[in-house]
Amino acid sequence: MPRTTQLRTYTVRNGLLDEWVERWRNDIVPLRLDLGFEIGGAWIDRERDQFVWLVSYEGPETFEERNAMYWASPERKAMDLDPDDYLVRTEDRTVEQRY
């Protein structure tokens, strides 16, 4: 399977950016890594209340199949984390690395 990378840009509710980053780092990242995803980096843009990150997967399933496994996992459900509580808007783009 080819490697798939998504550039994800999240606009976070005003005043919740730091809390979102903490939840993302402590809850989301470990599970993503356990399921074979790679995190290429994460950045915040305080001026725009945005959180930007790169997530990749290369394995026997497609990115979409593995992502569905992430969302359906008991560990994800146990997080008690609804992205809508934090995120106003999300934009996911599949990108190809050139450098």
C-alpha atoms as a PDB file:
ATOM      1  CA  MET A   1       0.000   0.000   0.000  1.00  0.00           C
ATOM      2  CA  PRO A   2       1.241   3.496  -0.720  1.00  0.00           C
ATOM      3  CA  ARG A   3       1.812   5.971   2.052  1.00  0.00           C
ATOM      4  CA  THR A   4      -1.053   8.427   2.545  1.00  0.00           C
ATOM      5  CA  THR A   5      -0.573  11.716   4.364  1.00  0.00           C
ATOM      6  CA  GLN A   6      -3.258  14.150   5.385  1.00  0.00           C
ATOM      7  CA  LEU A   7      -2.761  17.785   6.290  1.00  0.00           C
ATOM      8  CA  ARG A   8      -5.453  18.584   8.815  1.00  0.00           C
ATOM      9  CA  THR A   9      -6.428  22.111   9.777  1.00  0.00           C
ATOM     10  CA  TYR A  10      -8.839  22.554  12.657  1.00  0.00           C
ATOM     11  CA  THR A  11     -10.383  25.843  13.713  1.00  0.00           C
ATOM     12  CA  VAL A  12     -10.829  25.583  17.474  1.00  0.00           C
ATOM     13  CA  ARG A  13     -13.493  27.291  19.563  1.00  0.00           C
ATOM     14  CA  ASN A  14     -12.261  30.553  21.047  1.00  0.00           C
ATOM     15  CA  GLY A  15     -10.444  29.982  24.339  1.00  0.00           C
ATOM     16  CA  LEU A  16     -10.098  26.206  23.921  1.00  0.00           C
ATOM     17  CA  LEU A  17      -6.933  25.941  21.814  1.00  0.00           C
ATOM     18  CA  ASP A  18      -4.583  24.944  24.641  1.00  0.00           C
ATOM     19  CA  GLU A  19      -7.105  22.486  26.087  1.00  0.00           C
ATOM     20  CA  TRP A  20      -7.613  20.941  22.644  1.00  0.00           C
ATOM     21  CA  VAL A  21      -3.847  20.531  22.140  1.00  0.00           C
ATOM     22  CA  GLU A  22      -3.520  18.826  25.518  1.00  0.00           C
ATOM     23  CA  ARG A  23      -6.359  16.402  24.761  1.00  0.00           C
ATOM     24  CA  TRP A  24      -4.951  15.734  21.285  1.00  0.00           C
ATOM     25  CA  ARG A  25      -1.453  15.059  22.625  1.00  0.00           C
ATOM     26  CA  ASN A  26      -2.498  12.938  25.614  1.00  0.00           C
ATOM     27  CA  ASP A  27      -5.422  11.001  24.135  1.00  0.00           C
ATOM     28  CA  ILE A  28      -5.415  11.047  20.343  1.00  0.00           C
ATOM     29  CA  VAL A  29      -1.709  10.781  19.539  1.00  0.00           C
ATOM     30  CA  PRO A  30      -0.971   7.617  21.577  1.00  0.00           C
ATOM     31  CA  LEU A  31      -3.894   5.741  20.014  1.00  0.00           C
ATOM     32  CA  ARG A  32      -3.027   6.908  16.504  1.00  0.00           C
ATOM     33  CA  LEU A  33       0.546   5.690  17.011  1.00  0.00           C
ATOM     34  CA  ASP A  34      -0.631   2.362  18.465  1.00  0.00           C
ATOM     35  CA  LEU A  35      -2.731   1.843  15.323  1.00  0.00           C
ATOM     36  CA  GLY A  36       0.218   2.420  12.999  1.00  0.00           C
ATOM     37  CA  PHE A  37      -0.275   6.067  12.082  1.00  0.00           C
ATOM     38  CA  GLU A  38       2.635   8.494  12.059  1.00  0.00           C
ATOM     39  CA  ILE A  39       2.383  12.092  13.206  1.00  0.00           C
ATOM     40  CA  GLY A  40       4.524  14.373  11.037  1.00  0.00           C
ATOM     41  CA  GLY A  41       4.196  17.399  13.276  1.00  0.00           C
ATOM     42  CA  ALA A  42       1.647  19.730  14.797  1.00  0.00           C
ATOM     43  CA  TRP A  43       1.431  23.506  14.944  1.00  0.00           C
ATOM     44  CA  ILE A  44      -0.864  26.132  16.395  1.00  0.00           C
ATOM     45  CA  ASP A  45      -1.837  29.479  14.894  1.00  0.00           C
ATOM     46  CA  ARG A  46      -3.118  31.480  17.853  1.00  0.00           C
ATOM     47  CA  GLU A  47      -4.149  34.428  15.714  1.00  0.00           C
ATOM     48  CA  ARG A  48      -6.639  32.235  13.822  1.00  0.00           C
ATOM     49  CA  ASP A  49      -7.419  29.767  16.655  1.00  0.00           C
ATOM     50  CA  GLN A  50      -6.157  26.982  14.404  1.00  0.00           C
ATOM     51  CA  PHE A  51      -4.447  23.684  15.005  1.00  0.00           C
ATOM     52  CA  VAL A  52      -2.611  22.137  12.047  1.00  0.00           C
ATOM     53  CA  TRP A  53      -1.103  18.655  11.929  1.00  0.00           C
ATOM     54  CA  LEU A  54       0.142  15.946   9.588  1.00  0.00           C
ATOM     55  CA  VAL A  55      -0.991  12.339   9.957  1.00  0.00           C
ATOM     56  CA  SER A  56       0.230   9.489   7.744  1.00  0.00           C
ATOM     57  CA  TYR A  57      -0.447   5.811   7.309  1.00  0.00           C
ATOM     58  CA  GLU A  58       1.307   3.156   5.267  1.00  0.00           C
ATOM     59  CA  GLY A  59       0.209  -0.400   5.813  1.00  0.00           C
ATOM     60  CA  PRO A  60      -1.972  -3.262   4.681  1.00  0.00           C
ATOM     61  CA  GLU A  61      -5.187  -1.213   4.814  1.00  0.00           C
ATOM     62  CA  THR A  62      -5.976   2.063   3.096  1.00  0.00           C
ATOM     63  CA  PHE A  63      -5.812   5.247   5.115  1.00  0.00           C
ATOM     64  CA  GLU A  64      -9.607   5.371   5.126  1.00  0.00           C
ATOM     65  CA  GLU A  65      -9.928   1.794   6.377  1.00  0.00           C
ATOM     66  CA  ARG A  66      -7.376   2.346   9.126  1.00  0.00           C
ATOM     67  CA  ASN A  67      -9.011   5.637  10.076  1.00  0.00           C
ATOM     68  CA  ALA A  68     -12.363   3.843  10.401  1.00  0.00           C
ATOM     69  CA  MET A  69     -10.648   1.321  12.694  1.00  0.00           C
ATOM     70  CA  TYR A  70      -9.404   4.220  14.827  1.00  0.00           C
ATOM     71  CA  TRP A  71     -12.900   5.704  15.194  1.00  0.00           C
ATOM     72  CA  ALA A  72     -14.499   2.299  15.900  1.00  0.00           C
ATOM     73  CA  SER A  73     -11.909   1.221  18.469  1.00  0.00           C
ATOM     74  CA  PRO A  74     -12.969   0.770  22.107  1.00  0.00           C
ATOM     75  CA  GLU A  75     -10.047   2.991  23.129  1.00  0.00           C
ATOM     76  CA  ARG A  76     -11.350   5.879  21.014  1.00  0.00           C
ATOM     77  CA  LYS A  77     -14.852   5.470  22.387  1.00  0.00           C
ATOM     78  CA  ALA A  78     -13.462   5.412  25.954  1.00  0.00           C
ATOM     79  CA  MET A  79     -11.802   8.810  25.463  1.00  0.00           C
ATOM     80  CA  ASP A  80     -15.117  10.585  25.987  1.00  0.00           C
ATOM     81  CA  LEU A  81     -13.868  13.205  23.541  1.00  0.00           C
ATOM     82  CA  ASP A  82     -16.313  14.711  21.075  1.00  0.00           C
ATOM     83  CA  PRO A  83     -14.411  16.856  18.565  1.00  0.00           C
ATOM     84  CA  ASP A  84     -17.498  19.054  18.147  1.00  0.00           C
ATOM     85  CA  ASP A  85     -16.991  20.269  21.715  1.00  0.00           C
ATOM     86  CA  TYR A  86     -13.716  21.847  20.582  1.00  0.00           C
ATOM     87  CA  LEU A  87     -13.727  22.279  16.819  1.00  0.00           C
ATOM     88  CA  VAL A  88     -15.681  24.803  14.789  1.00  0.00           C
ATOM     89  CA  ARG A  89     -14.357  23.668  11.410  1.00  0.00           C
ATOM     90  CA  THR A  90     -12.097  20.938  10.051  1.00  0.00           C
ATOM     91  CA  GLU A  91     -10.313  20.682   6.732  1.00  0.00           C
ATOM     92  CA  ASP A  92      -8.510  17.473   5.740  1.00  0.00           C
ATOM     93  CA  ARG A  93      -6.392  17.399   2.598  1.00  0.00           C
ATOM     94  CA  THR A  94      -4.453  14.462   1.239  1.00  0.00           C
ATOM     95  CA  VAL A  95      -0.986  15.699   0.286  1.00  0.00           C
ATOM     96  CA  GLU A  96       2.120  14.224  -1.340  1.00  0.00           C
ATOM     97  CA  GLN A  97       5.583  14.921   0.036  1.00  0.00           C
ATOM     98  CA  ARG A  98       8.040  16.400  -2.434  1.00  0.00           C
ATOM     99  CA  TYR A  99      10.854  17.441  -0.101  1.00  0.00           C
END
